[in-house]
Amino acid sequence: YDELLDADEVFVCGTAAEVTPVDELDDRVYGDNRVGRELAQQ
């Protein structure tokens, strides 16, 4: 879990969720989520 907090981006995926960047994890706010957004488009 502490690695997630220290990551640059976090995203989740599933049939319904598709590829979806995570904006916040508990008190951690992520930034632009560029990789997640580009992957969602792909």
Full PDB file with SEQRES, HELIX, SHEET, SSBOND, CRYST1, ORIGX, SCALE, CONECT and MASTER records, all heavy atoms in Angstrom:
SEQRES   1 A   42  TYR ASP GLU LEU LEU ASP ALA ASP GLU VAL PHE VAL CYS          
SEQRES   2 A   42  GLY THR ALA ALA GLU VAL THR PRO VAL ASP GLU LEU ASP          
SEQRES   3 A   42  ASP ARG VAL TYR GLY ASP ASN ARG VAL GLY ARG GLU LEU          
SEQRES   4 A   42  ALA GLN GLN                                                  
HELIX    1 AA1 ASP A    2  ASP A    6  1                                   5    
HELIX    2 AA2 ARG A   34  GLN A   41  1                                   8    
SHEET    1 AA1 2 PHE A  11  GLY A  14  0                                        
SHEET    2 AA1 2 GLU A  18  PRO A  21 -1                                        
SHEET    1 AA2 2 GLU A  24  LEU A  25  0                                        
SHEET    2 AA2 2 ARG A  28  VAL A  29 -1                                        
CRYST1    1.000    1.000    1.000  90.00  90.00  90.00 P 1           1          
ORIGX1      1.000000  0.000000  0.000000        0.00000                         
ORIGX2      0.000000  1.000000  0.000000        0.00000                         
ORIGX3      0.000000  0.000000  1.000000        0.00000                         
SCALE1      1.000000  0.000000  0.000000        0.00000                         
SCALE2      0.000000  1.000000  0.000000        0.00000                         
SCALE3      0.000000  0.000000  1.000000        0.00000                         
ATOM      1  N   TYR A   1       0.823  -1.212   0.000  1.00  0.00           N  
ATOM      2  CA  TYR A   1       0.000   0.000   0.000  1.00  0.00           C  
ATOM      3  C   TYR A   1       0.853   1.257   0.000  1.00  0.00           C  
ATOM      4  O   TYR A   1       0.559   2.225  -0.713  1.00  0.00           O  
ATOM      5  CB  TYR A   1      -0.926  -0.023   1.220  1.00  0.00           C  
ATOM      6  CG  TYR A   1      -1.661   1.271   1.474  1.00  0.00           C  
ATOM      7  CD1 TYR A   1      -2.641   1.717   0.593  1.00  0.00           C  
ATOM      8  CD2 TYR A   1      -1.378   2.038   2.606  1.00  0.00           C  
ATOM      9  CE1 TYR A   1      -3.321   2.901   0.829  1.00  0.00           C  
ATOM     10  CE2 TYR A   1      -2.060   3.218   2.855  1.00  0.00           C  
ATOM     11  CZ  TYR A   1      -3.029   3.651   1.964  1.00  0.00           C  
ATOM     12  OH  TYR A   1      -3.698   4.826   2.198  1.00  0.00           O  
ATOM     13  N   ASP A   2       1.966   1.243   0.754  1.00  0.00           N  
ATOM     14  CA  ASP A   2       2.802   2.456   0.790  1.00  0.00           C  
ATOM     15  C   ASP A   2       3.466   2.734  -0.557  1.00  0.00           C  
ATOM     16  O   ASP A   2       3.790   3.879  -0.867  1.00  0.00           O  
ATOM     17  CB  ASP A   2       3.833   2.399   1.922  1.00  0.00           C  
ATOM     18  CG  ASP A   2       4.710   1.159   1.881  1.00  0.00           C  
ATOM     19  OD1 ASP A   2       4.710   0.450   0.853  1.00  0.00           O  
ATOM     20  OD2 ASP A   2       5.407   0.893   2.879  1.00  0.00           O  
ATOM     21  N   GLU A   3       3.654   1.694  -1.378  1.00  0.00           N  
ATOM     22  CA  GLU A   3       4.173   1.919  -2.727  1.00  0.00           C  
ATOM     23  C   GLU A   3       3.154   2.660  -3.586  1.00  0.00           C  
ATOM     24  O   GLU A   3       3.516   3.496  -4.421  1.00  0.00           O  
ATOM     25  CB  GLU A   3       4.526   0.591  -3.391  1.00  0.00           C  
ATOM     26  CG  GLU A   3       5.750  -0.104  -2.841  1.00  0.00           C  
ATOM     27  CD  GLU A   3       6.088  -1.332  -3.662  1.00  0.00           C  
ATOM     28  OE1 GLU A   3       6.681  -1.177  -4.752  1.00  0.00           O  
ATOM     29  OE2 GLU A   3       5.731  -2.445  -3.230  1.00  0.00           O  
ATOM     30  N   LEU A   4       1.876   2.347  -3.391  1.00  0.00           N  
ATOM     31  CA  LEU A   4       0.834   3.069  -4.132  1.00  0.00           C  
ATOM     32  C   LEU A   4       0.840   4.545  -3.770  1.00  0.00           C  
ATOM     33  O   LEU A   4       0.690   5.414  -4.632  1.00  0.00           O  
ATOM     34  CB  LEU A   4      -0.555   2.490  -3.831  1.00  0.00           C  
ATOM     35  CG  LEU A   4      -1.022   1.234  -4.544  1.00  0.00           C  
ATOM     36  CD1 LEU A   4      -2.529   1.084  -4.364  1.00  0.00           C  
ATOM     37  CD2 LEU A   4      -0.664   1.242  -6.011  1.00  0.00           C  
ATOM     38  N   LEU A   5       0.988   4.823  -2.492  1.00  0.00           N  
ATOM     39  CA  LEU A   5       1.010   6.215  -2.052  1.00  0.00           C  
ATOM     40  C   LEU A   5       2.202   6.968  -2.637  1.00  0.00           C  
ATOM     41  O   LEU A   5       2.138   8.180  -2.861  1.00  0.00           O  
ATOM     42  CB  LEU A   5       1.057   6.284  -0.525  1.00  0.00           C  
ATOM     43  CG  LEU A   5      -0.172   5.762   0.222  1.00  0.00           C  
ATOM     44  CD1 LEU A   5       0.057   5.835   1.729  1.00  0.00           C  
ATOM     45  CD2 LEU A   5      -1.425   6.551  -0.164  1.00  0.00           C  
ATOM     46  N   ASP A   6       3.293   6.255  -2.907  1.00  0.00           N  
ATOM     47  CA  ASP A   6       4.506   6.870  -3.416  1.00  0.00           C  
ATOM     48  C   ASP A   6       4.570   6.864  -4.946  1.00  0.00           C  
ATOM     49  O   ASP A   6       5.501   7.398  -5.540  1.00  0.00           O  
ATOM     50  CB  ASP A   6       5.725   6.119  -2.851  1.00  0.00           C  
ATOM     51  CG  ASP A   6       7.009   6.922  -2.982  1.00  0.00           C  
ATOM     52  OD1 ASP A   6       6.961   8.157  -2.786  1.00  0.00           O  
ATOM     53  OD2 ASP A   6       8.048   6.324  -3.301  1.00  0.00           O  
ATOM     54  N   ALA A   7       3.559   6.255  -5.597  1.00  0.00           N  
ATOM     55  CA  ALA A   7       3.569   6.144  -7.059  1.00  0.00           C  
ATOM     56  C   ALA A   7       3.265   7.490  -7.711  1.00  0.00           C  
ATOM     57  O   ALA A   7       2.680   8.393  -7.101  1.00  0.00           O  
ATOM     58  CB  ALA A   7       2.545   5.111  -7.501  1.00  0.00           C  
ATOM     59  N   ASP A   8       3.648   7.612  -8.974  1.00  0.00           N  
ATOM     60  CA  ASP A   8       3.314   8.815  -9.743  1.00  0.00           C  
ATOM     61  C   ASP A   8       1.851   8.792 -10.177  1.00  0.00           C  
ATOM     62  O   ASP A   8       1.192   9.833 -10.233  1.00  0.00           O  
ATOM     63  CB  ASP A   8       4.212   8.914 -10.986  1.00  0.00           C  
ATOM     64  CG  ASP A   8       5.689   9.016 -10.629  1.00  0.00           C  
ATOM     65  OD1 ASP A   8       6.003   9.672  -9.620  1.00  0.00           O  
ATOM     66  OD2 ASP A   8       6.507   8.432 -11.363  1.00  0.00           O  
ATOM     67  N   GLU A   9       1.372   7.602 -10.516  1.00  0.00           N  
ATOM     68  CA  GLU A   9      -0.024   7.430 -10.936  1.00  0.00           C  
ATOM     69  C   GLU A   9      -0.527   6.087 -10.435  1.00  0.00           C  
ATOM     70  O   GLU A   9       0.242   5.144 -10.240  1.00  0.00           O  
ATOM     71  CB  GLU A   9      -0.161   7.424 -12.466  1.00  0.00           C  
ATOM     72  CG  GLU A   9       0.258   8.675 -13.180  1.00  0.00           C  
ATOM     73  CD  GLU A   9       0.025   8.566 -14.690  1.00  0.00           C  
ATOM     74  OE1 GLU A   9      -0.986   7.938 -15.105  1.00  0.00           O  
ATOM     75  OE2 GLU A   9       0.857   9.097 -15.447  1.00  0.00           O  
ATOM     76  N   VAL A  10      -1.841   6.016 -10.270  1.00  0.00           N  
ATOM     77  CA  VAL A  10      -2.531   4.763 -10.010  1.00  0.00           C  
ATOM     78  C   VAL A  10      -3.756   4.730 -10.917  1.00  0.00           C  
ATOM     79  O   VAL A  10      -4.438   5.743 -11.081  1.00  0.00           O  
ATOM     80  CB  VAL A  10      -2.970   4.638  -8.531  1.00  0.00           C  
ATOM     81  CG1 VAL A  10      -3.862   3.414  -8.327  1.00  0.00           C  
ATOM     82  CG2 VAL A  10      -1.751   4.565  -7.616  1.00  0.00           C  
ATOM     83  N   PHE A  11      -3.993   3.592 -11.544  1.00  0.00           N  
ATOM     84  CA  PHE A  11      -5.238   3.442 -12.291  1.00  0.00           C  
ATOM     85  C   PHE A  11      -5.803   2.057 -12.049  1.00  0.00           C  
ATOM     86  O   PHE A  11      -5.097   1.141 -11.621  1.00  0.00           O  
ATOM     87  CB  PHE A  11      -5.053   3.730 -13.786  1.00  0.00           C  
ATOM     88  CG  PHE A  11      -4.127   2.807 -14.526  1.00  0.00           C  
ATOM     89  CD1 PHE A  11      -4.584   1.615 -15.082  1.00  0.00           C  
ATOM     90  CD2 PHE A  11      -2.790   3.144 -14.710  1.00  0.00           C  
ATOM     91  CE1 PHE A  11      -3.734   0.771 -15.780  1.00  0.00           C  
ATOM     92  CE2 PHE A  11      -1.927   2.306 -15.414  1.00  0.00           C  
ATOM     93  CZ  PHE A  11      -2.404   1.117 -15.951  1.00  0.00           C  
ATOM     94  N   VAL A  12      -7.097   1.928 -12.277  1.00  0.00           N  
ATOM     95  CA  VAL A  12      -7.776   0.647 -12.109  1.00  0.00           C  
ATOM     96  C   VAL A  12      -8.358   0.223 -13.443  1.00  0.00           C  
ATOM     97  O   VAL A  12      -8.555   1.051 -14.343  1.00  0.00           O  
ATOM     98  CB  VAL A  12      -8.881   0.722 -11.038  1.00  0.00           C  
ATOM     99  CG1 VAL A  12      -8.294   1.072  -9.673  1.00  0.00           C  
ATOM    100  CG2 VAL A  12      -9.955   1.724 -11.424  1.00  0.00           C  
ATOM    101  N   CYS A  13      -8.629  -1.067 -13.572  1.00  0.00           N  
ATOM    102  CA  CYS A  13      -9.219  -1.547 -14.819  1.00  0.00           C  
ATOM    103  C   CYS A  13     -10.134  -2.725 -14.550  1.00  0.00           C  
ATOM    104  O   CYS A  13      -9.953  -3.491 -13.602  1.00  0.00           O  
ATOM    105  CB  CYS A  13      -8.128  -1.927 -15.818  1.00  0.00           C  
ATOM    106  SG  CYS A  13      -7.214  -3.418 -15.403  1.00  0.00           S  
ATOM    107  N   GLY A  14     -11.144  -2.842 -15.390  1.00  0.00           N  
ATOM    108  CA  GLY A  14     -12.106  -3.932 -15.315  1.00  0.00           C  
ATOM    109  C   GLY A  14     -13.073  -3.793 -16.469  1.00  0.00           C  
ATOM    110  O   GLY A  14     -13.070  -2.778 -17.173  1.00  0.00           O  
ATOM    111  N   THR A  15     -13.901  -4.784 -16.663  1.00  0.00           N  
ATOM    112  CA  THR A  15     -14.852  -4.735 -17.777  1.00  0.00           C  
ATOM    113  C   THR A  15     -15.721  -3.496 -17.716  1.00  0.00           C  
ATOM    114  O   THR A  15     -15.915  -2.806 -18.719  1.00  0.00           O  
ATOM    115  CB  THR A  15     -15.732  -5.997 -17.779  1.00  0.00           C  
ATOM    116  OG1 THR A  15     -14.899  -7.137 -18.029  1.00  0.00           O  
ATOM    117  CG2 THR A  15     -16.796  -5.921 -18.854  1.00  0.00           C  
ATOM    118  N   ALA A  16     -16.264  -3.202 -16.547  1.00  0.00           N  
ATOM    119  CA  ALA A  16     -17.120  -2.018 -16.405  1.00  0.00           C  
ATOM    120  C   ALA A  16     -16.294  -0.750 -16.278  1.00  0.00           C  
ATOM    121  O   ALA A  16     -16.598   0.277 -16.883  1.00  0.00           O  
ATOM    122  CB  ALA A  16     -18.042  -2.177 -15.199  1.00  0.00           C  
ATOM    123  N   ALA A  17     -15.221  -0.800 -15.491  1.00  0.00           N  
ATOM    124  CA  ALA A  17     -14.388   0.390 -15.256  1.00  0.00           C  
ATOM    125  C   ALA A  17     -13.532   0.738 -16.459  1.00  0.00           C  
ATOM    126  O   ALA A  17     -13.041   1.861 -16.566  1.00  0.00           O  
ATOM    127  CB  ALA A  17     -13.498   0.167 -14.039  1.00  0.00           C  
ATOM    128  N   GLU A  18     -13.326  -0.224 -17.371  1.00  0.00           N  
ATOM    129  CA  GLU A  18     -12.389  -0.068 -18.487  1.00  0.00           C  
ATOM    130  C   GLU A  18     -11.016   0.299 -17.908  1.00  0.00           C  
ATOM    131  O   GLU A  18     -10.528  -0.395 -17.029  1.00  0.00           O  
ATOM    132  CB  GLU A  18     -12.929   0.948 -19.501  1.00  0.00           C  
ATOM    133  CG  GLU A  18     -14.257   0.491 -20.108  1.00  0.00           C  
ATOM    134  CD  GLU A  18     -14.875   1.486 -21.058  1.00  0.00           C  
ATOM    135  OE1 GLU A  18     -14.885   2.696 -20.745  1.00  0.00           O  
ATOM    136  OE2 GLU A  18     -15.373   1.046 -22.110  1.00  0.00           O  
ATOM    137  N   VAL A  19     -10.383   1.374 -18.365  1.00  0.00           N  
ATOM    138  CA  VAL A  19      -9.134   1.853 -17.762  1.00  0.00           C  
ATOM    139  C   VAL A  19      -9.423   3.232 -17.185  1.00  0.00           C  
ATOM    140  O   VAL A  19      -9.751   4.167 -17.922  1.00  0.00           O  
ATOM    141  CB  VAL A  19      -7.987   1.931 -18.786  1.00  0.00           C  
ATOM    142  CG1 VAL A  19      -6.732   2.512 -18.128  1.00  0.00           C  
ATOM    143  CG2 VAL A  19      -7.700   0.550 -19.375  1.00  0.00           C  
ATOM    144  N   THR A  20      -9.332   3.353 -15.875  1.00  0.00           N  
ATOM    145  CA  THR A  20      -9.738   4.587 -15.205  1.00  0.00           C  
ATOM    146  C   THR A  20      -8.671   5.079 -14.229  1.00  0.00           C  
ATOM    147  O   THR A  20      -8.347   4.385 -13.260  1.00  0.00           O  
ATOM    148  CB  THR A  20     -11.054   4.363 -14.421  1.00  0.00           C  
ATOM    149  OG1 THR A  20     -12.076   3.915 -15.307  1.00  0.00           O  
ATOM    150  CG2 THR A  20     -11.503   5.648 -13.746  1.00  0.00           C  
ATOM    151  N   PRO A  21      -8.084   6.259 -14.485  1.00  0.00           N  
ATOM    152  CA  PRO A  21      -7.105   6.820 -13.542  1.00  0.00           C  
ATOM    153  C   PRO A  21      -7.747   7.136 -12.194  1.00  0.00           C  
ATOM    154  O   PRO A  21      -8.918   7.524 -12.119  1.00  0.00           O  
ATOM    155  CB  PRO A  21      -6.645   8.103 -14.242  1.00  0.00           C  
ATOM    156  CG  PRO A  21      -6.953   7.898 -15.690  1.00  0.00           C  
ATOM    157  CD  PRO A  21      -8.206   7.074 -15.708  1.00  0.00           C  
ATOM    158  N   VAL A  22      -6.978   6.965 -11.138  1.00  0.00           N  
ATOM    159  CA  VAL A  22      -7.425   7.294  -9.780  1.00  0.00           C  
ATOM    160  C   VAL A  22      -6.950   8.699  -9.447  1.00  0.00           C  
ATOM    161  O   VAL A  22      -5.762   9.019  -9.597  1.00  0.00           O  
ATOM    162  CB  VAL A  22      -6.875   6.268  -8.770  1.00  0.00           C  
ATOM    163  CG1 VAL A  22      -7.142   6.723  -7.325  1.00  0.00           C  
ATOM    164  CG2 VAL A  22      -7.486   4.896  -9.020  1.00  0.00           C  
ATOM    165  N   ASP A  23      -7.857   9.545  -9.002  1.00  0.00           N  
ATOM    166  CA  ASP A  23      -7.511  10.922  -8.642  1.00  0.00           C  
ATOM    167  C   ASP A  23      -6.941  11.028  -7.231  1.00  0.00           C  
ATOM    168  O   ASP A  23      -6.001  11.780  -6.991  1.00  0.00           O  
ATOM    169  CB  ASP A  23      -8.747  11.818  -8.764  1.00  0.00           C  
ATOM    170  CG  ASP A  23      -9.269  11.884 -10.181  1.00  0.00           C  
ATOM    171  OD1 ASP A  23      -8.639  12.545 -11.006  1.00  0.00           O  
ATOM    172  OD2 ASP A  23     -10.300  11.245 -10.462  1.00  0.00           O  
ATOM    173  N   GLU A  24      -7.553  10.258  -6.301  1.00  0.00           N  
ATOM    174  CA  GLU A  24      -7.124  10.322  -4.907  1.00  0.00           C  
ATOM    175  C   GLU A  24      -7.145   8.928  -4.292  1.00  0.00           C  
ATOM    176  O   GLU A  24      -8.026   8.131  -4.594  1.00  0.00           O  
ATOM    177  CB  GLU A  24      -8.062  11.230  -4.090  1.00  0.00           C  
ATOM    178  CG  GLU A  24      -8.139  12.665  -4.567  1.00  0.00           C  
ATOM    179  CD  GLU A  24      -9.145  13.479  -3.771  1.00  0.00           C  
ATOM    180  OE1 GLU A  24      -9.276  13.207  -2.559  1.00  0.00           O  
ATOM    181  OE2 GLU A  24      -9.803  14.349  -4.352  1.00  0.00           O  
ATOM    182  N   LEU A  25      -6.178   8.672  -3.428  1.00  0.00           N  
ATOM    183  CA  LEU A  25      -6.143   7.459  -2.622  1.00  0.00           C  
ATOM    184  C   LEU A  25      -5.987   7.885  -1.173  1.00  0.00           C  
ATOM    185  O   LEU A  25      -4.931   8.381  -0.769  1.00  0.00           O  
ATOM    186  CB  LEU A  25      -4.979   6.558  -3.047  1.00  0.00           C  
ATOM    187  CG  LEU A  25      -4.693   5.351  -2.146  1.00  0.00           C  
ATOM    188  CD1 LEU A  25      -5.923   4.462  -2.010  1.00  0.00           C  
ATOM    189  CD2 LEU A  25      -3.506   4.554  -2.678  1.00  0.00           C  
ATOM    190  N   ASP A  26      -7.072   7.727  -0.419  1.00  0.00           N  
ATOM    191  CA  ASP A  26      -7.118   8.264   0.938  1.00  0.00           C  
ATOM    192  C   ASP A  26      -6.732   9.744   0.891  1.00  0.00           C  
ATOM    193  O   ASP A  26      -7.395  10.521   0.251  1.00  0.00           O  
ATOM    194  CB  ASP A  26      -6.244   7.434   1.884  1.00  0.00           C  
ATOM    195  CG  ASP A  26      -6.871   6.051   2.147  1.00  0.00           C  
ATOM    196  OD1 ASP A  26      -8.106   5.958   2.151  1.00  0.00           O  
ATOM    197  OD2 ASP A  26      -6.127   5.086   2.332  1.00  0.00           O  
ATOM    198  N   ASP A  27      -5.623  10.148   1.532  1.00  0.00           N  
ATOM    199  CA  ASP A  27      -5.244  11.565   1.536  1.00  0.00           C  
ATOM    200  C   ASP A  27      -4.256  11.920   0.428  1.00  0.00           C  
ATOM    201  O   ASP A  27      -3.835  13.077   0.310  1.00  0.00           O  
ATOM    202  CB  ASP A  27      -4.620  11.944   2.886  1.00  0.00           C  
ATOM    203  CG  ASP A  27      -5.620  11.844   4.031  1.00  0.00           C  
ATOM    204  OD1 ASP A  27      -6.816  12.102   3.781  1.00  0.00           O  
ATOM    205  OD2 ASP A  27      -5.199  11.496   5.147  1.00  0.00           O  
ATOM    206  N   ARG A  28      -3.882  10.950  -0.393  1.00  0.00           N  
ATOM    207  CA  ARG A  28      -2.910  11.187  -1.464  1.00  0.00           C  
ATOM    208  C   ARG A  28      -3.645  11.629  -2.725  1.00  0.00           C  
ATOM    209  O   ARG A  28      -4.558  10.951  -3.204  1.00  0.00           O  
ATOM    210  CB  ARG A  28      -2.132   9.899  -1.732  1.00  0.00           C  
ATOM    211  CG  ARG A  28      -1.277   9.916  -3.014  1.00  0.00           C  
ATOM    212  CD  ARG A  28      -0.021  10.773  -2.845  1.00  0.00           C  
ATOM    213  NE  ARG A  28       1.000  10.398  -3.806  1.00  0.00           N  
ATOM    214  CZ  ARG A  28       1.187  10.992  -4.992  1.00  0.00           C  
ATOM    215  NH1 ARG A  28       0.398  11.999  -5.367  1.00  0.00           N  
ATOM    216  NH2 ARG A  28       2.149  10.577  -5.795  1.00  0.00           N  
ATOM    217  N   VAL A  29      -3.259  12.794  -3.253  1.00  0.00           N  
ATOM    218  CA  VAL A  29      -3.840  13.325  -4.489  1.00  0.00           C  
ATOM    219  C   VAL A  29      -2.812  13.164  -5.602  1.00  0.00           C  
ATOM    220  O   VAL A  29      -1.669  13.598  -5.460  1.00  0.00           O  
ATOM    221  CB  VAL A  29      -4.234  14.809  -4.342  1.00  0.00           C  
ATOM    222  CG1 VAL A  29      -4.791  15.343  -5.654  1.00  0.00           C  
ATOM    223  CG2 VAL A  29      -5.245  14.980  -3.217  1.00  0.00           C  
ATOM    224  N   TYR A  30      -3.228  12.516  -6.691  1.00  0.00           N  
ATOM    225  CA  TYR A  30      -2.319  12.306  -7.818  1.00  0.00           C  
ATOM    226  C   TYR A  30      -2.432  13.465  -8.800  1.00  0.00           C  
ATOM    227  O   TYR A  30      -3.363  14.245  -8.768  1.00  0.00           O  
ATOM    228  CB  TYR A  30      -2.614  10.971  -8.498  1.00  0.00           C  
ATOM    229  CG  TYR A  30      -2.360   9.792  -7.583  1.00  0.00           C  
ATOM    230  CD1 TYR A  30      -3.404   9.195  -6.891  1.00  0.00           C  
ATOM    231  CD2 TYR A  30      -1.067   9.322  -7.373  1.00  0.00           C  
ATOM    232  CE1 TYR A  30      -3.174   8.129  -6.027  1.00  0.00           C  
ATOM    233  CE2 TYR A  30      -0.814   8.266  -6.507  1.00  0.00           C  
ATOM    234  CZ  TYR A  30      -1.878   7.677  -5.832  1.00  0.00           C  
ATOM    235  OH  TYR A  30      -1.638   6.646  -4.965  1.00  0.00           O  
ATOM    236  N   GLY A  31      -1.482  13.537  -9.701  1.00  0.00           N  
ATOM    237  CA  GLY A  31      -1.401  14.677 -10.609  1.00  0.00           C  
ATOM    238  C   GLY A  31      -2.126  14.474 -11.917  1.00  0.00           C  
ATOM    239  O   GLY A  31      -3.306  14.120 -11.952  1.00  0.00           O  
ATOM    240  N   ASP A  32      -1.404  14.625 -13.011  1.00  0.00           N  
ATOM    241  CA  ASP A  32      -2.004  14.660 -14.342  1.00  0.00           C  
ATOM    242  C   ASP A  32      -2.486  13.302 -14.820  1.00  0.00           C  
ATOM    243  O   ASP A  32      -3.379  13.213 -15.655  1.00  0.00           O  
ATOM    244  CB  ASP A  32      -0.960  15.220 -15.332  1.00  0.00           C  
ATOM    245  CG  ASP A  32      -1.511  15.302 -16.744  1.00  0.00           C  
ATOM    246  OD1 ASP A  32      -2.597  15.888 -16.924  1.00  0.00           O  
ATOM    247  OD2 ASP A  32      -0.873  14.766 -17.657  1.00  0.00           O  
ATOM    248  N   ASN A  33      -1.911  12.202 -14.318  1.00  0.00           N  
ATOM    249  CA  ASN A  33      -2.290  10.842 -14.741  1.00  0.00           C  
ATOM    250  C   ASN A  33      -2.156  10.652 -16.252  1.00  0.00           C  
ATOM    251  O   ASN A  33      -3.012  10.042 -16.899  1.00  0.00           O  
ATOM    252  CB  ASN A  33      -3.718  10.511 -14.300  1.00  0.00           C  
ATOM    253  CG  ASN A  33      -3.856  10.419 -12.794  1.00  0.00           C  
ATOM    254  OD1 ASN A  33      -3.014   9.825 -12.123  1.00  0.00           O  
ATOM    255  ND2 ASN A  33      -4.909  11.006 -12.251  1.00  0.00           N  
ATOM    256  N   ARG A  34      -1.067  11.137 -16.813  1.00  0.00           N  
ATOM    257  CA  ARG A  34      -0.895  11.106 -18.269  1.00  0.00           C  
ATOM    258  C   ARG A  34      -0.883   9.687 -18.821  1.00  0.00           C  
ATOM    259  O   ARG A  34      -1.546   9.386 -19.816  1.00  0.00           O  
ATOM    260  CB  ARG A  34       0.411  11.807 -18.652  1.00  0.00           C  
ATOM    261  CG  ARG A  34       0.705  11.792 -20.161  1.00  0.00           C  
ATOM    262  CD  ARG A  34       2.085  12.341 -20.465  1.00  0.00           C  
ATOM    263  NE  ARG A  34       3.136  11.575 -19.832  1.00  0.00           N  
ATOM    264  CZ  ARG A  34       3.629  10.433 -20.326  1.00  0.00           C  
ATOM    265  NH1 ARG A  34       3.156   9.939 -21.451  1.00  0.00           N  
ATOM    266  NH2 ARG A  34       4.596   9.799 -19.690  1.00  0.00           N  
ATOM    267  N   VAL A  35      -0.133   8.796 -18.173  1.00  0.00           N  
ATOM    268  CA  VAL A  35      -0.029   7.419 -18.668  1.00  0.00           C  
ATOM    269  C   VAL A  35      -1.397   6.738 -18.635  1.00  0.00           C  
ATOM    270  O   VAL A  35      -1.806   6.078 -19.597  1.00  0.00           O  
ATOM    271  CB  VAL A  35       0.996   6.618 -17.838  1.00  0.00           C  
ATOM    272  CG1 VAL A  35       0.985   5.139 -18.243  1.00  0.00           C  
ATOM    273  CG2 VAL A  35       2.389   7.201 -18.000  1.00  0.00           C  
ATOM    274  N   GLY A  36      -2.120   6.914 -17.534  1.00  0.00           N  
ATOM    275  CA  GLY A  36      -3.448   6.317 -17.426  1.00  0.00           C  
ATOM    276  C   GLY A  36      -4.414   6.845 -18.466  1.00  0.00           C  
ATOM    277  O   GLY A  36      -5.187   6.086 -19.062  1.00  0.00           O  
ATOM    278  N   ARG A  37      -4.372   8.149 -18.719  1.00  0.00           N  
ATOM    279  CA  ARG A  37      -5.273   8.741 -19.712  1.00  0.00           C  
ATOM    280  C   ARG A  37      -4.949   8.241 -21.119  1.00  0.00           C  
ATOM    281  O   ARG A  37      -5.848   7.914 -21.899  1.00  0.00           O  
ATOM    282  CB  ARG A  37      -5.188  10.264 -19.657  1.00  0.00           C  
ATOM    283  CG  ARG A  37      -5.847  10.883 -18.425  1.00  0.00           C  
ATOM    284  CD  ARG A  37      -5.924  12.392 -18.512  1.00  0.00           C  
ATOM    285  NE  ARG A  37      -4.601  13.014 -18.488  1.00  0.00           N  
ATOM    286  CZ  ARG A  37      -3.958  13.494 -19.538  1.00  0.00           C  
ATOM    287  NH1 ARG A  37      -4.515  13.429 -20.752  1.00  0.00           N  
ATOM    288  NH2 ARG A  37      -2.760  14.051 -19.425  1.00  0.00           N  
ATOM    289  N   GLU A  38      -3.671   8.166 -21.444  1.00  0.00           N  
ATOM    290  CA  GLU A  38      -3.288   7.695 -22.773  1.00  0.00           C  
ATOM    291  C   GLU A  38      -3.646   6.221 -22.961  1.00  0.00           C  
ATOM    292  O   GLU A  38      -4.083   5.812 -24.042  1.00  0.00           O  
ATOM    293  CB  GLU A  38      -1.791   7.919 -22.992  1.00  0.00           C  
ATOM    294  CG  GLU A  38      -1.422   9.395 -23.115  1.00  0.00           C  
ATOM    295  CD  GLU A  38       0.076   9.604 -23.294  1.00  0.00           C  
ATOM    296  OE1 GLU A  38       0.830   8.590 -23.231  1.00  0.00           O  
ATOM    297  OE2 GLU A  38       0.491  10.768 -23.483  1.00  0.00           O  
ATOM    298  N   LEU A  39      -3.475   5.445 -21.904  1.00  0.00           N  
ATOM    299  CA  LEU A  39      -3.815   4.031 -21.988  1.00  0.00           C  
ATOM    300  C   LEU A  39      -5.331   3.840 -22.125  1.00  0.00           C  
ATOM    301  O   LEU A  39      -5.791   2.958 -22.854  1.00  0.00           O  
ATOM    302  CB  LEU A  39      -3.293   3.285 -20.761  1.00  0.00           C  
ATOM    303  CG  LEU A  39      -3.528   1.782 -20.728  1.00  0.00           C  
ATOM    304  CD1 LEU A  39      -2.934   1.108 -21.959  1.00  0.00           C  
ATOM    305  CD2 LEU A  39      -2.944   1.180 -19.455  1.00  0.00           C  
ATOM    306  N   ALA A  40      -6.102   4.681 -21.434  1.00  0.00           N  
ATOM    307  CA  ALA A  40      -7.556   4.614 -21.560  1.00  0.00           C  
ATOM    308  C   ALA A  40      -7.990   4.876 -22.994  1.00  0.00           C  
ATOM    309  O   ALA A  40      -8.906   4.215 -23.517  1.00  0.00           O  
ATOM    310  CB  ALA A  40      -8.210   5.623 -20.610  1.00  0.00           C  
ATOM    311  N   GLN A  41      -7.333   5.803 -23.650  1.00  0.00           N  
ATOM    312  CA  GLN A  41      -7.649   6.102 -25.057  1.00  0.00           C  
ATOM    313  C   GLN A  41      -7.244   4.940 -25.964  1.00  0.00           C  
ATOM    314  O   GLN A  41      -7.980   4.571 -26.892  1.00  0.00           O  
ATOM    315  CB  GLN A  41      -6.936   7.384 -25.476  1.00  0.00           C  
ATOM    316  CG  GLN A  41      -7.461   8.628 -24.765  1.00  0.00           C  
ATOM    317  CD  GLN A  41      -6.571   9.846 -24.976  1.00  0.00           C  
ATOM    318  OE1 GLN A  41      -5.563   9.781 -25.686  1.00  0.00           O  
ATOM    319  NE2 GLN A  41      -6.929  10.960 -24.354  1.00  0.00           N  
ATOM    320  N   GLN A  42      -6.091   4.361 -25.694  1.00  0.00           N  
ATOM    321  CA  GLN A  42      -5.657   3.205 -26.481  1.00  0.00           C  
ATOM    322  C   GLN A  42      -6.632   2.043 -26.312  1.00  0.00           C  
ATOM    323  O   GLN A  42      -6.957   1.342 -27.284  1.00  0.00           O  
ATOM    324  CB  GLN A  42      -4.251   2.768 -26.057  1.00  0.00           C  
ATOM    325  CG  GLN A  42      -3.716   1.580 -26.851  1.00  0.00           C  
ATOM    326  CD  GLN A  42      -2.367   1.093 -26.354  1.00  0.00           C  
ATOM    327  OE1 GLN A  42      -1.862   1.556 -25.317  1.00  0.00           O  
ATOM    328  NE2 GLN A  42      -1.763   0.164 -27.074  1.00  0.00           N  
TER     329      GLN A  42                                                      
MASTER        0    0    0    2    4    0    0    6  328    1    0    4          
END                                                                             
